[in-house]
Amino acid sequence: MMIDVKKMSHLQKELIAAAIDCCKPGGYIVYSTCSITVEENEWVVDYALKNRYVKLVEPGIDIGEEGYIKYMDKRFDVNMKLTRRIYPHVHNMDGFYFAKLRKLKNGPRKVTDEVKEKEASKLAQKAQKKQANKKNAGQASKEEVVAEEVEE
């Protein structure tokens, strides 16, 4: 199932980029899904914010919960609170998500060297953390074996 969600997320990123590219500067794009998964919603809007000259604006509808600004280890723009998530068990309707974006100017957003360095630093920190966790897990296993031998 997760593979399907990732495929949909990729497709939705392509669709939102195409919609933004078709819109004139100053125009609005409404992104909406009949899903409540973060991968199909905040991740897609986050992609648009990072790759196109757009910003989130008030949707003009006061129903639903605010979009997530953090999910697991992922952090999103603080303005993601302007997006809305409808939960079936809370709002007594089908689950869905929507965001309203305003296009600022044409073209893809250029990633600066500063952003690239920041992302590389995050990846390096994750790799170090993963390596430390593996080392700690290996150490714990050795300690368990020693403890078992002592008990015998």
N, C-alpha and C. Protein backbone atom coordinates (compact mmCIF):
# COMPACT_ATOMS: atom_id res chain seq x y z
N MET A 1 0.83 -1.21 0.00
CA MET A 1 0.00 0.00 0.00
C MET A 1 0.86 1.26 0.00
N MET A 2 1.94 1.25 0.77
CA MET A 2 2.79 2.44 0.85
C MET A 2 3.38 2.80 -0.51
N ILE A 3 3.65 1.78 -1.35
CA ILE A 3 4.18 2.03 -2.69
C ILE A 3 3.16 2.83 -3.50
N ASP A 4 1.88 2.49 -3.38
CA ASP A 4 0.83 3.22 -4.09
C ASP A 4 0.77 4.67 -3.65
N VAL A 5 0.89 4.91 -2.35
CA VAL A 5 0.86 6.28 -1.82
C VAL A 5 2.04 7.07 -2.35
N LYS A 6 3.22 6.46 -2.40
CA LYS A 6 4.40 7.16 -2.92
C LYS A 6 4.26 7.46 -4.41
N LYS A 7 3.68 6.52 -5.15
CA LYS A 7 3.44 6.76 -6.58
C LYS A 7 2.47 7.92 -6.77
N MET A 8 1.40 7.92 -5.97
CA MET A 8 0.41 8.99 -6.06
C MET A 8 1.04 10.33 -5.68
N SER A 9 1.86 10.32 -4.66
CA SER A 9 2.53 11.54 -4.22
C SER A 9 3.40 12.11 -5.34
N HIS A 10 4.13 11.23 -6.01
CA HIS A 10 4.98 11.68 -7.12
C HIS A 10 4.13 12.27 -8.25
N LEU A 11 3.06 11.58 -8.59
CA LEU A 11 2.16 12.07 -9.64
C LEU A 11 1.55 13.42 -9.24
N GLN A 12 1.15 13.54 -7.99
CA GLN A 12 0.54 14.79 -7.52
C GLN A 12 1.54 15.95 -7.53
N LYS A 13 2.79 15.66 -7.27
CA LYS A 13 3.83 16.70 -7.36
C LYS A 13 3.95 17.21 -8.79
N GLU A 14 3.88 16.28 -9.74
CA GLU A 14 3.94 16.68 -11.15
C GLU A 14 2.71 17.50 -11.53
N LEU A 15 1.55 17.08 -11.03
CA LEU A 15 0.30 17.79 -11.35
C LEU A 15 0.27 19.20 -10.75
N ILE A 16 0.70 19.33 -9.49
CA ILE A 16 0.65 20.67 -8.87
C ILE A 16 1.65 21.60 -9.56
N ALA A 17 2.81 21.08 -9.95
CA ALA A 17 3.79 21.91 -10.67
C ALA A 17 3.22 22.36 -12.01
N ALA A 18 2.54 21.45 -12.71
CA ALA A 18 1.94 21.80 -14.01
C ALA A 18 0.83 22.84 -13.82
N ALA A 19 0.02 22.69 -12.78
CA ALA A 19 -1.06 23.65 -12.51
C ALA A 19 -0.48 25.03 -12.22
N ILE A 20 0.58 25.07 -11.43
CA ILE A 20 1.22 26.35 -11.09
C ILE A 20 1.80 26.98 -12.36
N ASP A 21 2.43 26.15 -13.19
CA ASP A 21 3.03 26.67 -14.42
C ASP A 21 1.99 27.25 -15.37
N CYS A 22 0.76 26.73 -15.33
CA CYS A 22 -0.32 27.23 -16.20
C CYS A 22 -0.96 28.52 -15.67
N CYS A 23 -0.78 28.78 -14.41
CA CYS A 23 -1.39 29.94 -13.76
C CYS A 23 -0.56 31.20 -14.00
N LYS A 24 -1.23 32.34 -14.14
CA LYS A 24 -0.53 33.61 -14.29
C LYS A 24 -0.07 34.11 -12.92
N PRO A 25 1.04 34.88 -12.88
CA PRO A 25 1.45 35.47 -11.61
C PRO A 25 0.31 36.28 -11.01
N GLY A 26 0.11 36.14 -9.72
CA GLY A 26 -0.99 36.80 -9.03
C GLY A 26 -2.23 35.93 -8.94
N GLY A 27 -2.25 34.84 -9.72
CA GLY A 27 -3.39 33.92 -9.72
C GLY A 27 -3.33 32.95 -8.56
N TYR A 28 -4.41 32.19 -8.40
CA TYR A 28 -4.52 31.23 -7.30
C TYR A 28 -4.65 29.81 -7.81
N ILE A 29 -4.11 28.90 -7.03
CA ILE A 29 -4.22 27.47 -7.30
C ILE A 29 -4.80 26.85 -6.03
N VAL A 30 -5.83 26.04 -6.19
CA VAL A 30 -6.36 25.29 -5.05
C VAL A 30 -5.96 23.83 -5.25
N TYR A 31 -5.25 23.31 -4.26
CA TYR A 31 -4.84 21.91 -4.29
C TYR A 31 -5.74 21.17 -3.32
N SER A 32 -6.37 20.12 -3.79
CA SER A 32 -7.30 19.38 -2.96
C SER A 32 -7.21 17.89 -3.27
N THR A 33 -7.27 17.07 -2.22
CA THR A 33 -7.28 15.62 -2.41
C THR A 33 -8.39 15.01 -1.54
N CYS A 34 -8.81 13.82 -1.91
CA CYS A 34 -9.77 13.09 -1.09
C CYS A 34 -8.98 12.09 -0.24
N SER A 35 -7.90 12.55 0.33
CA SER A 35 -7.00 11.74 1.13
C SER A 35 -6.60 12.53 2.37
N ILE A 36 -6.25 11.82 3.43
CA ILE A 36 -5.74 12.51 4.62
C ILE A 36 -4.29 12.11 4.91
N THR A 37 -3.62 11.47 3.95
CA THR A 37 -2.22 11.08 4.16
C THR A 37 -1.30 12.28 3.96
N VAL A 38 -0.32 12.39 4.80
CA VAL A 38 0.64 13.49 4.73
C VAL A 38 1.44 13.43 3.42
N GLU A 39 1.75 12.23 2.97
CA GLU A 39 2.54 12.07 1.74
C GLU A 39 1.83 12.64 0.52
N GLU A 40 0.51 12.59 0.52
CA GLU A 40 -0.26 13.11 -0.62
C GLU A 40 -0.69 14.56 -0.42
N ASN A 41 -0.43 15.11 0.74
CA ASN A 41 -0.91 16.45 1.04
C ASN A 41 0.22 17.41 1.40
N GLU A 42 0.63 17.45 2.66
CA GLU A 42 1.67 18.40 3.06
C GLU A 42 2.96 18.21 2.27
N TRP A 43 3.33 16.97 1.99
CA TRP A 43 4.57 16.73 1.22
C TRP A 43 4.46 17.33 -0.18
N VAL A 44 3.29 17.25 -0.78
CA VAL A 44 3.09 17.77 -2.13
C VAL A 44 3.11 19.30 -2.10
N VAL A 45 2.42 19.89 -1.14
CA VAL A 45 2.40 21.36 -1.02
C VAL A 45 3.80 21.86 -0.69
N ASP A 46 4.50 21.16 0.19
CA ASP A 46 5.88 21.51 0.53
C ASP A 46 6.76 21.50 -0.72
N TYR A 47 6.58 20.49 -1.56
CA TYR A 47 7.30 20.41 -2.83
C TYR A 47 7.03 21.65 -3.68
N ALA A 48 5.76 22.04 -3.77
CA ALA A 48 5.39 23.21 -4.57
C ALA A 48 6.05 24.47 -4.01
N LEU A 49 6.03 24.62 -2.70
CA LEU A 49 6.63 25.81 -2.07
C LEU A 49 8.13 25.88 -2.32
N LYS A 50 8.78 24.73 -2.37
CA LYS A 50 10.23 24.70 -2.56
C LYS A 50 10.65 24.78 -4.03
N ASN A 51 9.74 24.43 -4.94
CA ASN A 51 10.12 24.33 -6.35
C ASN A 51 9.46 25.34 -7.28
N ARG A 52 8.52 26.10 -6.78
CA ARG A 52 7.86 27.13 -7.58
C ARG A 52 7.71 28.39 -6.73
N TYR A 53 7.53 29.52 -7.39
CA TYR A 53 7.35 30.79 -6.68
C TYR A 53 5.87 30.95 -6.30
N VAL A 54 5.49 30.29 -5.21
CA VAL A 54 4.14 30.36 -4.69
C VAL A 54 4.18 30.54 -3.18
N LYS A 55 3.07 30.97 -2.63
CA LYS A 55 2.96 31.04 -1.16
C LYS A 55 1.57 30.58 -0.77
N LEU A 56 1.46 30.06 0.44
CA LEU A 56 0.16 29.66 0.96
C LEU A 56 -0.60 30.88 1.43
N VAL A 57 -1.90 30.88 1.20
CA VAL A 57 -2.76 31.98 1.65
C VAL A 57 -3.98 31.38 2.37
N GLU A 58 -4.69 32.21 3.09
CA GLU A 58 -5.91 31.78 3.78
C GLU A 58 -6.87 31.18 2.76
N PRO A 59 -7.44 30.01 3.07
CA PRO A 59 -8.34 29.39 2.09
C PRO A 59 -9.73 30.03 2.04
N GLY A 60 -10.09 30.78 3.09
CA GLY A 60 -11.41 31.42 3.10
C GLY A 60 -12.52 30.49 3.58
N ILE A 61 -12.13 29.33 4.09
CA ILE A 61 -13.10 28.36 4.63
C ILE A 61 -12.64 28.00 6.04
N ASP A 62 -13.54 28.11 6.99
CA ASP A 62 -13.16 27.88 8.39
C ASP A 62 -13.45 26.48 8.90
N ILE A 63 -13.58 25.51 8.03
CA ILE A 63 -13.84 24.15 8.48
C ILE A 63 -12.54 23.35 8.42
N GLY A 64 -12.43 22.37 9.28
CA GLY A 64 -11.27 21.48 9.24
C GLY A 64 -10.19 21.86 10.22
N GLU A 65 -9.23 20.94 10.32
CA GLU A 65 -8.07 21.13 11.19
C GLU A 65 -6.93 21.74 10.38
N GLU A 66 -6.04 22.43 11.06
CA GLU A 66 -4.88 23.01 10.38
C GLU A 66 -3.99 21.90 9.83
N GLY A 67 -3.31 22.19 8.73
CA GLY A 67 -2.34 21.24 8.19
C GLY A 67 -1.17 21.10 9.15
N TYR A 68 -0.44 20.01 8.99
CA TYR A 68 0.69 19.73 9.88
C TYR A 68 1.90 20.60 9.53
N ILE A 69 2.58 21.07 10.57
CA ILE A 69 3.87 21.75 10.34
C ILE A 69 5.02 20.81 10.69
N LYS A 70 4.68 19.68 11.33
CA LYS A 70 5.67 18.63 11.54
C LYS A 70 4.95 17.29 11.57
N TYR A 71 5.64 16.30 11.02
CA TYR A 71 5.10 14.94 10.97
C TYR A 71 6.28 13.99 11.04
N MET A 72 6.32 13.21 12.10
CA MET A 72 7.45 12.32 12.37
C MET A 72 8.72 13.15 12.37
N ASP A 73 9.69 12.83 11.51
CA ASP A 73 10.94 13.61 11.48
C ASP A 73 10.92 14.71 10.43
N LYS A 74 9.81 14.88 9.74
CA LYS A 74 9.68 15.88 8.66
C LYS A 74 9.14 17.19 9.23
N ARG A 75 9.73 18.29 8.83
CA ARG A 75 9.28 19.62 9.26
C ARG A 75 8.84 20.39 8.02
N PHE A 76 7.71 21.09 8.16
CA PHE A 76 7.15 21.86 7.05
C PHE A 76 7.14 23.34 7.40
N ASP A 77 6.95 24.16 6.39
CA ASP A 77 6.81 25.60 6.56
C ASP A 77 5.71 25.89 7.57
N VAL A 78 5.93 26.86 8.43
CA VAL A 78 4.94 27.22 9.46
C VAL A 78 3.60 27.64 8.84
N ASN A 79 3.62 28.14 7.61
CA ASN A 79 2.39 28.53 6.93
C ASN A 79 1.53 27.35 6.48
N MET A 80 2.05 26.14 6.65
CA MET A 80 1.26 24.95 6.33
C MET A 80 0.00 24.91 7.21
N LYS A 81 0.01 25.68 8.29
CA LYS A 81 -1.18 25.79 9.14
C LYS A 81 -2.36 26.40 8.38
N LEU A 82 -2.08 27.05 7.27
CA LEU A 82 -3.15 27.65 6.46
C LEU A 82 -3.90 26.61 5.64
N THR A 83 -3.33 25.42 5.51
CA THR A 83 -4.02 24.36 4.78
C THR A 83 -5.03 23.71 5.72
N ARG A 84 -5.97 22.94 5.17
CA ARG A 84 -7.01 22.33 6.00
C ARG A 84 -7.14 20.84 5.72
N ARG A 85 -7.41 20.10 6.79
CA ARG A 85 -7.59 18.66 6.73
C ARG A 85 -8.96 18.34 7.34
N ILE A 86 -9.76 17.62 6.59
CA ILE A 86 -11.09 17.21 7.04
C ILE A 86 -11.04 15.74 7.43
N TYR A 87 -11.42 15.44 8.66
CA TYR A 87 -11.44 14.06 9.15
C TYR A 87 -12.88 13.55 9.19
N PRO A 88 -13.11 12.35 8.65
CA PRO A 88 -14.48 11.80 8.65
C PRO A 88 -15.05 11.66 10.05
N HIS A 89 -14.25 11.21 11.00
CA HIS A 89 -14.74 10.95 12.35
C HIS A 89 -14.93 12.23 13.18
N VAL A 90 -14.39 13.34 12.70
CA VAL A 90 -14.51 14.61 13.42
C VAL A 90 -15.55 15.52 12.77
N HIS A 91 -15.52 15.60 11.45
CA HIS A 91 -16.33 16.57 10.72
C HIS A 91 -17.57 15.97 10.04
N ASN A 92 -17.79 14.67 10.23
CA ASN A 92 -18.97 14.00 9.70
C ASN A 92 -19.12 14.17 8.18
N MET A 93 -18.01 14.04 7.48
CA MET A 93 -18.01 14.07 6.01
C MET A 93 -16.81 13.27 5.54
N ASP A 94 -16.71 13.04 4.25
CA ASP A 94 -15.56 12.30 3.72
C ASP A 94 -14.26 13.03 4.07
N GLY A 95 -13.19 12.27 4.23
CA GLY A 95 -11.89 12.86 4.53
C GLY A 95 -11.28 13.50 3.31
N PHE A 96 -10.75 14.70 3.48
CA PHE A 96 -10.00 15.33 2.40
C PHE A 96 -9.12 16.45 2.94
N TYR A 97 -8.36 17.05 2.04
CA TYR A 97 -7.37 18.06 2.38
C TYR A 97 -7.41 19.12 1.30
N PHE A 98 -7.18 20.38 1.68
CA PHE A 98 -7.09 21.43 0.67
C PHE A 98 -6.14 22.54 1.10
N ALA A 99 -5.56 23.17 0.09
CA ALA A 99 -4.63 24.28 0.29
C ALA A 99 -4.85 25.29 -0.83
N LYS A 100 -4.69 26.55 -0.50
CA LYS A 100 -4.81 27.62 -1.50
C LYS A 100 -3.45 28.30 -1.62
N LEU A 101 -2.95 28.34 -2.85
CA LEU A 101 -1.64 28.95 -3.11
C LEU A 101 -1.79 30.13 -4.05
N ARG A 102 -0.95 31.12 -3.87
CA ARG A 102 -0.91 32.27 -4.78
C ARG A 102 0.42 32.25 -5.51
N LYS A 103 0.34 32.36 -6.83
CA LYS A 103 1.56 32.35 -7.63
C LYS A 103 2.18 33.74 -7.60
N LEU A 104 3.48 33.79 -7.29
CA LEU A 104 4.19 35.06 -7.18
C LEU A 104 4.86 35.46 -8.48
N LYS A 105 5.49 34.49 -9.14
CA LYS A 105 6.12 34.77 -10.44
C LYS A 105 6.34 33.46 -11.18
N ASN A 106 6.67 33.56 -12.46
CA ASN A 106 6.86 32.39 -13.31
C ASN A 106 8.19 31.70 -13.07
N GLY A 107 8.25 30.46 -13.49
CA GLY A 107 9.50 29.71 -13.49
C GLY A 107 9.71 28.87 -12.26
N PRO A 108 10.63 27.91 -12.40
CA PRO A 108 10.96 27.08 -11.24
C PRO A 108 11.83 27.85 -10.25
N ARG A 109 11.63 27.58 -8.99
CA ARG A 109 12.43 28.22 -7.94
C ARG A 109 13.82 27.61 -7.99
N LYS A 110 14.82 28.46 -7.96
CA LYS A 110 16.19 27.97 -8.01
C LYS A 110 16.66 27.67 -6.59
N VAL A 111 17.24 26.48 -6.43
CA VAL A 111 17.76 26.08 -5.13
C VAL A 111 19.12 26.74 -4.95
N THR A 112 19.26 27.48 -3.88
CA THR A 112 20.52 28.18 -3.63
C THR A 112 21.55 27.23 -3.04
N ASP A 113 22.81 27.63 -3.10
CA ASP A 113 23.88 26.82 -2.52
C ASP A 113 23.66 26.66 -1.02
N GLU A 114 23.13 27.69 -0.37
CA GLU A 114 22.87 27.64 1.07
C GLU A 114 21.87 26.53 1.39
N VAL A 115 20.81 26.43 0.60
CA VAL A 115 19.80 25.39 0.81
C VAL A 115 20.41 24.02 0.56
N LYS A 116 21.21 23.89 -0.51
CA LYS A 116 21.87 22.62 -0.81
C LYS A 116 22.77 22.20 0.34
N GLU A 117 23.54 23.14 0.90
CA GLU A 117 24.43 22.84 2.01
C GLU A 117 23.63 22.41 3.24
N LYS A 118 22.51 23.08 3.50
CA LYS A 118 21.67 22.74 4.64
C LYS A 118 21.12 21.33 4.51
N GLU A 119 20.65 20.98 3.31
CA GLU A 119 20.12 19.64 3.07
C GLU A 119 21.21 18.59 3.18
N ALA A 120 22.41 18.89 2.68
CA ALA A 120 23.53 17.95 2.78
C ALA A 120 23.90 17.74 4.24
N SER A 121 23.87 18.81 5.02
CA SER A 121 24.17 18.71 6.44
C SER A 121 23.15 17.83 7.16
N LYS A 122 21.86 18.00 6.83
CA LYS A 122 20.81 17.18 7.43
C LYS A 122 21.02 15.72 7.09
N LEU A 123 21.35 15.43 5.83
CA LEU A 123 21.58 14.04 5.41
C LEU A 123 22.77 13.44 6.16
N ALA A 124 23.82 14.23 6.33
CA ALA A 124 25.01 13.75 7.05
C ALA A 124 24.67 13.45 8.51
N GLN A 125 23.86 14.33 9.13
CA GLN A 125 23.45 14.11 10.52
C GLN A 125 22.61 12.85 10.65
N LYS A 126 21.70 12.63 9.70
CA LYS A 126 20.87 11.42 9.71
C LYS A 126 21.73 10.17 9.59
N ALA A 127 22.72 10.23 8.69
CA ALA A 127 23.61 9.08 8.49
C ALA A 127 24.40 8.79 9.76
N GLN A 128 24.90 9.83 10.42
CA GLN A 128 25.64 9.65 11.67
C GLN A 128 24.74 9.05 12.75
N LYS A 129 23.53 9.54 12.83
CA LYS A 129 22.57 9.05 13.83
C LYS A 129 22.25 7.58 13.58
N LYS A 130 22.05 7.24 12.31
CA LYS A 130 21.74 5.85 11.94
C LYS A 130 22.91 4.94 12.30
N GLN A 131 24.12 5.40 12.00
CA GLN A 131 25.32 4.62 12.30
C GLN A 131 25.47 4.45 13.81
N ALA A 132 25.21 5.49 14.58
CA ALA A 132 25.30 5.41 16.04
C ALA A 132 24.26 4.44 16.59
N ASN A 133 23.05 4.46 16.02
CA ASN A 133 22.00 3.55 16.45
C ASN A 133 22.40 2.10 16.18
N LYS A 134 22.99 1.84 14.99
CA LYS A 134 23.44 0.49 14.66
C LYS A 134 24.53 0.04 15.64
N LYS A 135 25.45 0.95 15.94
CA LYS A 135 26.55 0.64 16.85
C LYS A 135 25.99 0.32 18.23
N ASN A 136 25.04 1.14 18.70
CA ASN A 136 24.42 0.92 20.00
C ASN A 136 23.64 -0.38 20.03
N ALA A 137 22.96 -0.70 18.94
CA ALA A 137 22.19 -1.95 18.86
C ALA A 137 23.14 -3.14 18.91
N GLY A 138 24.27 -3.04 18.22
CA GLY A 138 25.28 -4.10 18.24
C GLY A 138 25.88 -4.27 19.62
N GLN A 139 26.11 -3.16 20.30
CA GLN A 139 26.66 -3.19 21.66
C GLN A 139 25.66 -3.84 22.60
N ALA A 140 24.37 -3.51 22.44
CA ALA A 140 23.33 -4.09 23.30
C ALA A 140 23.27 -5.59 23.09
N SER A 141 23.40 -6.05 21.86
CA SER A 141 23.37 -7.48 21.57
C SER A 141 24.52 -8.19 22.25
N LYS A 142 25.73 -7.62 22.20
CA LYS A 142 26.89 -8.21 22.85
C LYS A 142 26.68 -8.30 24.36
N GLU A 143 26.10 -7.23 24.94
CA GLU A 143 25.85 -7.23 26.37
C GLU A 143 24.83 -8.30 26.76
N GLU A 144 23.82 -8.52 25.91
CA GLU A 144 22.83 -9.56 26.19
C GLU A 144 23.47 -10.94 26.16
N VAL A 145 24.36 -11.19 25.21
CA VAL A 145 25.04 -12.47 25.11
C VAL A 145 25.89 -12.70 26.34
N VAL A 146 26.64 -11.68 26.76
CA VAL A 146 27.48 -11.79 27.96
C VAL A 146 26.62 -12.06 29.17
N ALA A 147 25.47 -11.36 29.28
CA ALA A 147 24.56 -11.56 30.42
C ALA A 147 24.03 -12.98 30.44
N GLU A 148 23.70 -13.53 29.28
CA GLU A 148 23.20 -14.91 29.20
C GLU A 148 24.28 -15.90 29.63
N GLU A 149 25.52 -15.67 29.19
CA GLU A 149 26.62 -16.55 29.57
C GLU A 149 26.88 -16.52 31.06
N VAL A 150 26.76 -15.35 31.69
CA VAL A 150 26.98 -15.19 33.12
C VAL A 150 25.89 -15.94 33.88
N GLU A 151 24.63 -15.86 33.40
CA GLU A 151 23.51 -16.52 34.08
C GLU A 151 23.64 -18.03 34.05
N GLU A 152 24.24 -18.58 32.99
CA GLU A 152 24.39 -20.03 32.86
C GLU A 152 25.45 -20.49 33.79
